[in-house]
Amino acid sequence: MSRTRTDRTDRTDRTAPRGRAPVAPGRLPVVGHALRLSRGPIAFLESLRDVGAVVRVDLGGWPLHVLTDPDLIHTVLVAEAHKFGRGRIFEKLRPLFGNGIATTDGALHRKQRRLMQPAFQRNRISRYAELMCREAEAMAASWTAGRQVRVDREMRRFALSSVAGMIFSGDVDQPAVQEVHRSFPIILEGMLVRTVMPKAFDRLPLPLNRRFDGAALRLRAIIDEVVAEYGPEDRGRDDLISLLLAGTDPETGDTMSAEQVRDELITILFGGTETASTTLSWIFHELARHPDVEKRVHAEVDAVVGDRPVRPEDLASLTYTKSVFEESLRLHSPLLFTRRPLTPVTLGGVDIPAGAELAYSPYALHRDPELFRDPTAFDTERWNDTDPSRVLPRLDSFIPFGAGQHKCIGDAFAVAEILTAVASVARRWRLTSVPGTTVKEVPAGIPLPDALPMIPVPRR
């Protein structure tokens, strides 16, 4: 088997002045491309690949250079990652994530990764998977045949419960879990709009800003309270708070402050919830649309799991189900990330000064017809690595969890979480679409289904 692609056409706009990026069509005075991006961000980002490898987008007075070429994205994320910082999107999320691993760079980021790595080793993922299996089994058992369920809400509750169970333990932490369930939808709603708003809107008392900031403050405050209650006698608890408080940097001997633990907990909470719950929702939507794929998933789950509840050791054998997960994640990927060059750089023939804003869209990259044949089709066979004649997607063209030094530290956790939920539901139910319902994508950090009502039909 091979991981290659057909030759890509040259996306450099040869009519643009040398050293400068072509400007995306539709720029308006004062607001630039802000209206186009706000009214149809998905279509707008996908359209940029036809403009050039590096395309200038103006958001008010904020110029943004969007990378559409996978080689350039790989340069920024992996090959020359040391030359780039996080960028504006991550700065705008600091009121929520503070100095967590998702927003930091350089020495602090490397130190935090070393301190957190033990929490995501294989043996720990297996322990977390036991909790996931219980949560998924309880969710699937709670449904009633023929009674409509909001699958998007159910998946969010499952993901939140799984991650919260990994982080917290004991009754003392239940108010924190309740606040997570209250604040998460508010924060998720505001994340994308907040990150692409022009700087002039940052401090205005807009309803969106007030809701986002209020939810972030409440969540940070209550997790501060939980961490503060952990005394020396609690450091042996089998939860993530204890693990982070007790962790020691193998290179420096440093430990995390209580404030740093809080920031990392919030980062893990959102990283482990948004991707998993949204991807699970799209998986069940795609299974309902593709009965042949659904039958293969059911057959695999029947063969591996049978009539008993799912166990952590089952997950490695769910190979076709994992292909369904990968294809769903390809079609429904994160919308936009940013980076910032620390020194002047040249990318795709475009000169970019230090401190300028770069962006790339995994969503648009994963739907590029020059990287993925028939890119809008739901084709699980594109991930079939048992057929030596198949051309698999290039590894650096599929980056749902990022790449390089900032790749998501919890990607293995997310995979286990998603496979557990799919198998637990598939063991009991077929989820059918509600007649007359049209599911639409809502722009967010990862585009969400606007609503996903489905009807559980017993398989046995």
Protein backbone atom coordinates (compact mmCIF):
# COMPACT_ATOMS: atom_id res chain seq x y z
CA MET A 1 0.00 0.00 0.00
CA SER A 2 1.12 3.56 -0.48
CA ARG A 3 0.38 6.99 0.93
CA THR A 4 0.71 9.28 -2.06
CA ARG A 5 -1.47 11.53 -4.12
CA THR A 6 -1.74 12.62 -7.69
CA ASP A 7 0.36 15.59 -8.75
CA ARG A 8 -1.08 18.80 -7.43
CA THR A 9 -1.58 21.76 -9.72
CA ASP A 10 0.41 24.90 -8.98
CA ARG A 11 -1.77 27.07 -6.79
CA THR A 12 0.52 30.07 -6.88
CA ASP A 13 -1.34 33.05 -8.34
CA ARG A 14 1.13 34.23 -10.98
CA THR A 15 -0.79 37.49 -11.48
CA ALA A 16 -0.10 38.62 -7.90
CA PRO A 17 2.91 40.87 -7.29
CA ARG A 18 6.02 38.88 -6.48
CA GLY A 19 6.32 38.26 -2.77
CA ARG A 20 2.70 39.15 -2.05
CA ALA A 21 -0.32 36.92 -1.58
CA PRO A 22 -3.39 37.20 -3.82
CA VAL A 23 -6.37 38.74 -2.06
CA ALA A 24 -9.53 36.67 -1.68
CA PRO A 25 -12.42 37.92 -3.84
CA GLY A 26 -15.26 39.89 -2.31
CA ARG A 27 -13.35 42.29 -0.05
CA LEU A 28 -15.47 45.28 1.06
CA PRO A 29 -14.34 48.67 2.33
CA VAL A 30 -13.70 48.84 6.10
CA VAL A 31 -14.99 45.34 6.95
CA GLY A 32 -12.89 43.48 4.35
CA HIS A 33 -13.99 39.84 4.17
CA ALA A 34 -15.62 39.79 7.61
CA LEU A 35 -19.16 39.60 6.24
CA ARG A 36 -18.35 36.77 3.84
CA LEU A 37 -16.63 34.83 6.59
CA SER A 38 -19.38 35.39 9.15
CA ARG A 39 -22.24 34.56 6.75
CA GLY A 40 -20.73 31.45 5.21
CA PRO A 41 -17.39 30.52 6.82
CA ILE A 42 -17.32 26.95 5.54
CA ALA A 43 -17.92 27.80 1.88
CA PHE A 44 -15.60 30.81 2.08
CA LEU A 45 -12.66 28.82 3.49
CA GLU A 46 -13.15 26.06 0.92
CA SER A 47 -13.17 28.62 -1.90
CA LEU A 48 -9.69 29.88 -1.06
CA ARG A 49 -7.89 26.84 -2.49
CA ASP A 50 -8.86 28.10 -5.97
CA VAL A 51 -7.23 31.47 -5.30
CA GLY A 52 -3.72 30.41 -4.29
CA ALA A 53 -1.49 28.48 -1.92
CA VAL A 54 -1.34 31.53 0.37
CA VAL A 55 -4.36 33.84 0.27
CA ARG A 56 -4.82 37.16 2.04
CA VAL A 57 -8.10 37.61 3.90
CA ASP A 58 -8.90 40.91 5.61
CA LEU A 59 -11.08 40.92 8.72
CA GLY A 60 -11.65 44.61 9.27
CA GLY A 61 -8.14 45.93 9.82
CA TRP A 62 -6.78 42.48 10.63
CA PRO A 63 -4.98 40.86 7.67
CA LEU A 64 -4.84 37.07 7.72
CA HIS A 65 -2.76 34.86 5.39
CA VAL A 66 -4.60 31.57 4.85
CA LEU A 67 -2.56 28.52 3.80
CA THR A 68 -4.33 26.09 1.47
CA ASP A 69 -1.39 23.91 0.43
CA PRO A 70 -0.60 20.82 2.59
CA ASP A 71 3.14 21.18 2.08
CA LEU A 72 3.08 24.72 3.45
CA ILE A 73 0.89 23.65 6.37
CA HIS A 74 3.36 20.86 7.10
CA THR A 75 6.21 23.38 7.04
CA VAL A 76 4.47 25.55 9.63
CA LEU A 77 3.28 22.74 11.92
CA VAL A 78 6.18 20.29 11.68
CA ALA A 79 9.25 21.01 9.54
CA GLU A 80 9.85 24.57 10.79
CA ALA A 81 7.48 24.68 13.74
CA HIS A 82 10.08 26.41 15.94
CA LYS A 83 9.67 29.53 13.77
CA PHE A 84 5.96 29.95 14.58
CA GLY A 85 3.90 30.84 17.63
CA ARG A 86 0.28 30.08 18.38
CA GLY A 87 -1.51 33.05 16.82
CA ARG A 88 -4.55 35.18 17.51
CA ILE A 89 -7.20 32.48 17.86
CA PHE A 90 -5.38 30.97 20.81
CA GLU A 91 -4.81 34.38 22.41
CA LYS A 92 -8.54 35.10 22.20
CA LEU A 93 -9.24 31.90 24.14
CA ARG A 94 -6.93 32.75 27.05
CA PRO A 95 -9.83 33.99 29.22
CA LEU A 96 -10.95 30.36 29.22
CA PHE A 97 -7.78 28.26 28.84
CA GLY A 98 -5.29 30.57 30.58
CA ASN A 99 -1.79 29.14 30.17
CA GLY A 100 -2.96 25.63 29.39
CA ILE A 101 -1.16 23.44 26.90
CA ALA A 102 -3.52 24.56 24.10
CA THR A 103 -2.43 28.21 24.27
CA THR A 104 1.25 28.14 25.26
CA ASP A 105 4.47 27.97 23.25
CA GLY A 106 8.16 27.40 23.67
CA ALA A 107 9.73 26.26 26.93
CA LEU A 108 6.49 26.45 28.94
CA HIS A 109 4.66 24.31 26.40
CA ARG A 110 7.43 21.68 26.37
CA LYS A 111 7.52 21.60 30.17
CA GLN A 112 3.75 21.19 30.42
CA ARG A 113 3.75 18.39 27.85
CA ARG A 114 6.37 16.51 29.88
CA LEU A 115 4.35 16.95 33.06
CA MET A 116 1.10 15.83 31.44
CA GLN A 117 2.38 12.96 29.31
CA PRO A 118 2.05 10.32 32.07
CA ALA A 119 -1.70 11.05 32.24
CA PHE A 120 -2.09 9.91 28.63
CA GLN A 121 0.09 6.80 28.55
CA ARG A 122 -1.46 3.59 27.27
CA ASN A 123 -2.12 2.08 30.69
CA ARG A 124 -3.93 5.23 31.80
CA ILE A 125 -6.06 5.32 28.63
CA SER A 126 -7.11 1.74 29.40
CA ARG A 127 -8.22 2.85 32.88
CA TYR A 128 -10.16 5.76 31.46
CA ALA A 129 -11.76 3.43 28.91
CA GLU A 130 -13.35 1.43 31.74
CA LEU A 131 -15.22 4.58 32.77
CA MET A 132 -16.14 5.33 29.16
CA CYS A 133 -17.62 1.85 28.77
CA ARG A 134 -19.82 2.31 31.83
CA GLU A 135 -21.00 5.75 30.70
CA ALA A 136 -21.72 4.55 27.15
CA GLU A 137 -23.59 1.48 28.37
CA ALA A 138 -25.73 3.61 30.70
CA MET A 139 -26.52 6.03 27.87
CA ALA A 140 -27.56 3.30 25.43
CA ALA A 141 -29.59 1.51 28.11
CA SER A 142 -31.53 4.70 28.93
CA TRP A 143 -33.17 4.97 25.51
CA THR A 144 -36.62 3.63 24.68
CA ALA A 145 -37.45 1.91 21.42
CA GLY A 146 -39.29 4.24 19.07
CA ARG A 147 -38.95 7.27 21.33
CA GLN A 148 -37.05 10.10 19.64
CA VAL A 149 -33.73 11.18 21.16
CA ARG A 150 -31.56 14.22 20.41
CA VAL A 151 -28.40 12.38 19.52
CA ASP A 152 -26.27 15.54 19.49
CA ARG A 153 -27.25 16.29 23.10
CA GLU A 154 -26.83 12.69 24.16
CA MET A 155 -23.31 12.55 22.74
CA ARG A 156 -22.37 15.80 24.46
CA ARG A 157 -23.62 14.47 27.80
CA PHE A 158 -21.72 11.22 27.29
CA ALA A 159 -18.47 12.98 26.38
CA LEU A 160 -18.75 15.46 29.23
CA SER A 161 -19.50 12.70 31.72
CA SER A 162 -16.57 10.62 30.49
CA VAL A 163 -14.07 13.47 30.69
CA ALA A 164 -15.46 14.79 33.97
CA GLY A 165 -15.21 11.30 35.45
CA MET A 166 -11.55 11.17 34.44
CA ILE A 167 -10.86 14.58 35.99
CA PHE A 168 -12.94 14.55 39.17
CA SER A 169 -13.79 12.02 41.89
CA GLY A 170 -16.10 12.03 44.87
CA ASP A 171 -19.25 13.94 45.78
CA VAL A 172 -17.28 17.09 46.56
CA ASP A 173 -16.67 17.55 42.84
CA GLN A 174 -20.30 17.26 41.73
CA PRO A 175 -20.91 21.06 41.66
CA ALA A 176 -17.97 21.32 39.27
CA VAL A 177 -19.46 18.65 37.02
CA GLN A 178 -22.81 20.49 37.05
CA GLU A 179 -21.09 23.77 36.13
CA VAL A 180 -19.33 22.02 33.25
CA HIS A 181 -22.67 20.90 31.86
CA ARG A 182 -24.08 24.42 32.29
CA SER A 183 -21.17 26.41 30.84
CA PHE A 184 -19.99 24.20 28.02
CA PRO A 185 -22.78 24.95 25.49
CA ILE A 186 -22.39 28.71 26.08
CA ILE A 187 -18.64 28.62 25.55
CA LEU A 188 -18.87 26.35 22.52
CA GLU A 189 -21.39 28.70 20.89
CA GLY A 190 -19.09 31.69 21.28
CA MET A 191 -15.68 30.23 20.52
CA LEU A 192 -15.63 30.58 16.72
CA VAL A 193 -17.28 34.00 16.53
CA ARG A 194 -15.06 35.31 19.31
CA THR A 195 -11.86 34.18 17.64
CA VAL A 196 -12.57 35.76 14.23
CA MET A 197 -14.08 39.02 15.43
CA PRO A 198 -12.01 42.12 14.61
CA LYS A 199 -9.89 43.33 17.54
CA ALA A 200 -12.08 46.41 17.97
CA PHE A 201 -14.90 44.16 19.22
CA ASP A 202 -12.81 42.34 21.85
CA ARG A 203 -13.70 44.57 24.80
CA LEU A 204 -17.16 45.73 23.78
CA PRO A 205 -19.99 44.61 26.13
CA LEU A 206 -21.65 42.56 23.41
CA PRO A 207 -24.05 39.83 24.57
CA LEU A 208 -21.78 37.16 23.07
CA ASN A 209 -18.74 38.51 24.96
CA ARG A 210 -20.67 38.75 28.22
CA ARG A 211 -22.00 35.20 27.97
CA PHE A 212 -18.61 33.75 27.02
CA ASP A 213 -16.67 35.65 29.69
CA GLY A 214 -19.26 34.88 32.36
CA ALA A 215 -19.23 31.15 31.63
CA ALA A 216 -15.42 31.09 31.55
CA LEU A 217 -15.19 32.90 34.90
CA ARG A 218 -17.68 30.55 36.55
CA LEU A 219 -15.94 27.46 35.27
CA ARG A 220 -12.46 28.63 36.25
CA ALA A 221 -13.67 29.66 39.72
CA ILE A 222 -15.33 26.38 40.57
CA ILE A 223 -12.39 24.29 39.35
CA ASP A 224 -10.13 26.53 41.45
CA GLU A 225 -12.27 25.58 44.45
CA VAL A 226 -11.99 21.86 43.72
CA VAL A 227 -8.21 21.98 43.25
CA ALA A 228 -7.79 24.02 46.44
CA GLU A 229 -9.62 21.33 48.43
CA TYR A 230 -7.08 18.67 47.46
CA GLY A 231 -4.79 18.26 50.46
CA PRO A 232 -1.77 15.90 50.77
CA GLU A 233 -4.11 13.09 51.80
CA ASP A 234 -6.02 13.45 48.51
CA ARG A 235 -3.00 13.28 46.19
CA GLY A 236 -3.42 9.51 45.89
CA ARG A 237 -6.90 9.68 44.41
CA ASP A 238 -7.31 7.91 41.09
CA ASP A 239 -8.26 11.00 39.11
CA LEU A 240 -6.54 13.48 36.83
CA ILE A 241 -6.38 16.27 39.42
CA SER A 242 -4.32 14.07 41.74
CA LEU A 243 -2.09 12.94 38.89
CA LEU A 244 -1.33 16.50 37.77
CA LEU A 245 -0.77 17.82 41.30
CA ALA A 246 1.65 14.99 42.03
CA GLY A 247 3.45 15.11 38.67
CA THR A 248 7.13 16.05 38.52
CA ASP A 249 9.02 17.26 35.45
CA PRO A 250 11.68 14.58 34.78
CA GLU A 251 14.09 17.23 33.48
CA THR A 252 13.71 20.00 36.06
CA GLY A 253 11.99 18.42 39.05
CA ASP A 254 9.31 21.15 38.88
CA THR A 255 5.67 20.55 39.73
CA MET A 256 2.54 22.39 38.58
CA SER A 257 1.01 25.24 40.53
CA ALA A 258 -2.67 25.00 41.43
CA GLU A 259 -3.40 27.68 38.81
CA GLN A 260 -1.58 25.74 36.12
CA VAL A 261 -3.45 22.55 37.06
CA ARG A 262 -6.73 24.47 36.67
CA ASP A 263 -5.74 25.71 33.20
CA GLU A 264 -4.77 22.21 32.07
CA LEU A 265 -7.96 20.68 33.44
CA ILE A 266 -10.10 23.15 31.47
CA THR A 267 -8.02 22.49 28.34
CA ILE A 268 -8.50 18.72 28.71
CA LEU A 269 -12.16 19.16 29.49
CA PHE A 270 -12.89 20.98 26.26
CA GLY A 271 -10.41 19.05 24.13
CA GLY A 272 -11.93 15.75 25.25
CA THR A 273 -15.52 16.88 24.78
CA GLU A 274 -15.88 19.02 21.66
CA THR A 275 -14.17 16.72 19.17
CA ALA A 276 -15.67 13.53 20.60
CA SER A 277 -19.27 14.67 20.94
CA THR A 278 -19.40 16.37 17.55
CA THR A 279 -17.70 13.50 15.73
CA LEU A 280 -20.01 10.96 17.39
CA SER A 281 -23.05 12.94 16.29
CA TRP A 282 -21.83 12.97 12.68
CA ILE A 283 -20.96 9.25 12.82
CA PHE A 284 -24.53 8.29 13.70
CA HIS A 285 -25.86 10.69 11.08
CA GLU A 286 -23.63 9.13 8.42
CA LEU A 287 -24.51 5.56 9.48
CA ALA A 288 -28.20 6.36 9.06
CA ARG A 289 -27.47 7.74 5.57
CA HIS A 290 -25.34 4.72 4.54
CA PRO A 291 -27.11 1.45 5.47
CA ASP A 292 -24.37 -0.76 3.98
CA VAL A 293 -21.77 0.90 6.20
CA GLU A 294 -24.08 0.57 9.18
CA LYS A 295 -24.51 -3.17 8.54
CA ARG A 296 -20.73 -3.67 8.46
CA VAL A 297 -20.34 -1.80 11.77
CA HIS A 298 -23.09 -3.91 13.35
CA ALA A 299 -21.52 -7.11 12.05
CA GLU A 300 -18.11 -6.16 13.44
CA VAL A 301 -19.53 -5.19 16.83
CA ASP A 302 -21.51 -8.45 16.97
CA ALA A 303 -18.36 -10.45 16.20
CA VAL A 304 -16.12 -8.60 18.67
CA VAL A 305 -18.50 -7.74 21.51
CA GLY A 306 -21.52 -9.99 21.18
CA ASP A 307 -24.30 -9.61 23.76
CA ARG A 308 -22.19 -8.34 26.65
CA PRO A 309 -21.22 -4.70 27.36
CA VAL A 310 -18.21 -3.27 25.57
CA ARG A 311 -14.84 -3.70 27.28
CA PRO A 312 -11.64 -1.66 26.78
CA GLU A 313 -9.85 -4.65 25.27
CA ASP A 314 -12.46 -4.80 22.47
CA LEU A 315 -11.46 -1.48 20.95
CA ALA A 316 -8.33 -2.63 19.14
CA SER A 317 -10.40 -5.17 17.17
CA LEU A 318 -12.94 -2.63 15.90
CA THR A 319 -10.91 -1.85 12.79
CA TYR A 320 -13.78 -1.13 10.39
CA THR A 321 -15.54 0.98 13.00
CA LYS A 322 -12.33 3.00 13.29
CA SER A 323 -12.42 3.59 9.51
CA VAL A 324 -15.94 4.97 9.93
CA PHE A 325 -14.65 7.26 12.67
CA GLU A 326 -11.76 8.48 10.50
CA GLU A 327 -14.00 9.18 7.52
CA SER A 328 -16.52 11.04 9.68
CA LEU A 329 -13.74 13.11 11.22
CA ARG A 330 -12.35 13.87 7.75
CA LEU A 331 -15.70 15.18 6.51
CA HIS A 332 -16.44 17.12 9.72
CA SER A 333 -13.13 18.59 10.85
CA PRO A 334 -12.02 21.66 12.83
CA LEU A 335 -12.70 24.81 10.87
CA LEU A 336 -9.76 27.13 11.50
CA PHE A 337 -6.47 27.38 13.40
CA THR A 338 -3.85 30.13 13.45
CA ARG A 339 -0.08 30.47 13.72
CA ARG A 340 2.21 33.51 13.89
CA PRO A 341 5.78 33.71 12.50
CA LEU A 342 8.34 34.73 15.11
CA THR A 343 10.71 36.01 12.41
CA PRO A 344 10.13 37.03 8.76
CA VAL A 345 9.42 33.97 6.59
CA THR A 346 8.65 33.16 2.96
CA LEU A 347 5.91 30.62 2.29
CA GLY A 348 4.86 29.67 -1.24
CA GLY A 349 6.77 32.65 -2.61
CA VAL A 350 4.93 35.06 -0.30
CA ASP A 351 6.96 37.20 2.12
CA ILE A 352 5.31 37.29 5.53
CA PRO A 353 6.62 39.59 8.28
CA ALA A 354 7.19 38.55 11.87
CA GLY A 355 4.02 38.83 13.93
CA ALA A 356 1.65 38.53 10.97
CA GLU A 357 -1.27 36.14 11.26
CA LEU A 358 -1.36 32.81 9.42
CA ALA A 359 -4.32 30.45 9.32
CA TYR A 360 -5.19 27.03 7.91
CA SER A 361 -8.43 25.08 7.76
CA PRO A 362 -8.35 21.32 8.42
CA TYR A 363 -11.95 21.25 7.19
CA ALA A 364 -11.01 22.66 3.79
CA LEU A 365 -7.81 20.61 3.60
CA HIS A 366 -9.69 17.36 4.22
CA ARG A 367 -12.14 18.13 1.40
CA ASP A 368 -9.47 19.05 -1.16
CA PRO A 369 -10.16 17.04 -4.37
CA GLU A 370 -6.43 16.94 -5.13
CA LEU A 371 -5.79 15.14 -1.83
CA PHE A 372 -8.92 13.00 -1.47
CA ARG A 373 -10.68 11.43 -4.41
CA ASP A 374 -14.40 12.32 -4.49
CA PRO A 375 -13.88 14.32 -1.29
CA THR A 376 -17.51 14.95 -0.35
CA ALA A 377 -18.39 11.24 -0.54
CA PHE A 378 -18.52 9.18 2.66
CA ASP A 379 -16.04 6.47 1.63
CA THR A 380 -14.73 4.30 4.47
CA GLU A 381 -12.64 2.27 2.03
CA ARG A 382 -10.22 5.16 1.55
CA TRP A 383 -8.76 4.08 4.94
CA ASN A 384 -8.45 0.38 4.04
CA ASP A 385 -4.80 -0.44 4.74
CA THR A 386 -5.20 -4.17 4.06
CA ASP A 387 -5.45 -3.71 0.29
CA PRO A 388 -1.94 -3.19 -1.18
CA SER A 389 -3.38 -1.71 -4.36
CA ARG A 390 -5.12 1.18 -2.61
CA VAL A 391 -3.59 4.63 -2.41
CA LEU A 392 -4.12 5.81 1.16
CA PRO A 393 -4.43 9.49 2.05
CA ARG A 394 -1.10 11.16 2.69
CA LEU A 395 -0.33 11.22 6.40
CA ASP A 396 0.37 14.95 6.41
CA SER A 397 -2.87 15.75 4.57
CA PHE A 398 -5.07 14.37 7.38
CA ILE A 399 -4.51 16.40 10.54
CA PRO A 400 -7.71 16.45 12.63
CA PHE A 401 -5.64 16.43 15.83
CA GLY A 402 -2.96 18.79 14.54
CA ALA A 403 0.64 17.79 13.88
CA GLY A 404 4.14 18.27 15.21
CA GLN A 405 4.96 19.63 18.64
CA HIS A 406 1.42 20.92 19.20
CA LYS A 407 -0.43 17.77 18.20
CA CYS A 408 -3.30 17.05 20.59
CA ILE A 409 -1.91 15.19 23.60
CA GLY A 410 -5.26 13.43 24.12
CA ASP A 411 -5.82 11.97 20.65
CA ALA A 412 -5.68 8.36 21.91
CA PHE A 413 -8.22 9.23 24.61
CA ALA A 414 -10.58 10.68 21.98
CA VAL A 415 -10.29 7.60 19.77
CA ALA A 416 -11.11 5.29 22.70
CA GLU A 417 -14.01 7.52 23.73
CA ILE A 418 -15.56 7.51 20.26
CA LEU A 419 -15.12 3.81 19.52
CA THR A 420 -16.60 2.92 22.91
CA ALA A 421 -19.73 4.97 22.30
CA VAL A 422 -20.26 3.72 18.75
CA ALA A 423 -19.88 0.08 19.77
CA SER A 424 -22.10 0.44 22.84
CA VAL A 425 -24.91 1.99 20.82
CA ALA A 426 -24.48 -0.37 17.84
CA ARG A 427 -24.70 -3.40 20.12
CA ARG A 428 -28.30 -2.47 21.00
CA TRP A 429 -29.71 -0.06 18.44
CA ARG A 430 -30.06 1.17 14.93
CA LEU A 431 -30.50 4.94 14.93
CA THR A 432 -32.80 6.05 12.14
CA SER A 433 -33.36 9.59 10.91
CA VAL A 434 -36.61 11.34 11.76
CA PRO A 435 -38.67 11.65 8.54
CA GLY A 436 -38.70 15.17 7.14
CA THR A 437 -35.64 16.28 9.11
CA THR A 438 -32.79 18.00 7.26
CA VAL A 439 -29.53 18.19 9.20
CA LYS A 440 -27.43 21.29 8.56
CA GLU A 441 -23.89 22.21 9.57
CA VAL A 442 -23.59 25.06 12.06
CA PRO A 443 -20.20 26.81 12.02
CA ALA A 444 -18.26 26.29 15.26
CA GLY A 445 -14.77 25.18 16.27
CA ILE A 446 -15.84 21.92 14.64
CA PRO A 447 -19.03 22.43 12.56
CA LEU A 448 -21.98 21.04 14.51
CA PRO A 449 -25.26 19.52 13.37
CA ASP A 450 -27.97 22.11 13.99
CA ALA A 451 -30.09 19.36 15.53
CA LEU A 452 -29.92 15.59 15.29
CA PRO A 453 -33.20 13.95 16.35
CA MET A 454 -33.10 10.19 15.72
CA ILE A 455 -35.23 7.18 16.59
CA PRO A 456 -33.68 4.12 18.32
CA VAL A 457 -34.76 0.83 16.75
CA PRO A 458 -33.84 -2.35 18.68
CA ARG A 459 -31.48 -4.72 16.91
CA ARG A 460 -32.49 -7.69 19.00
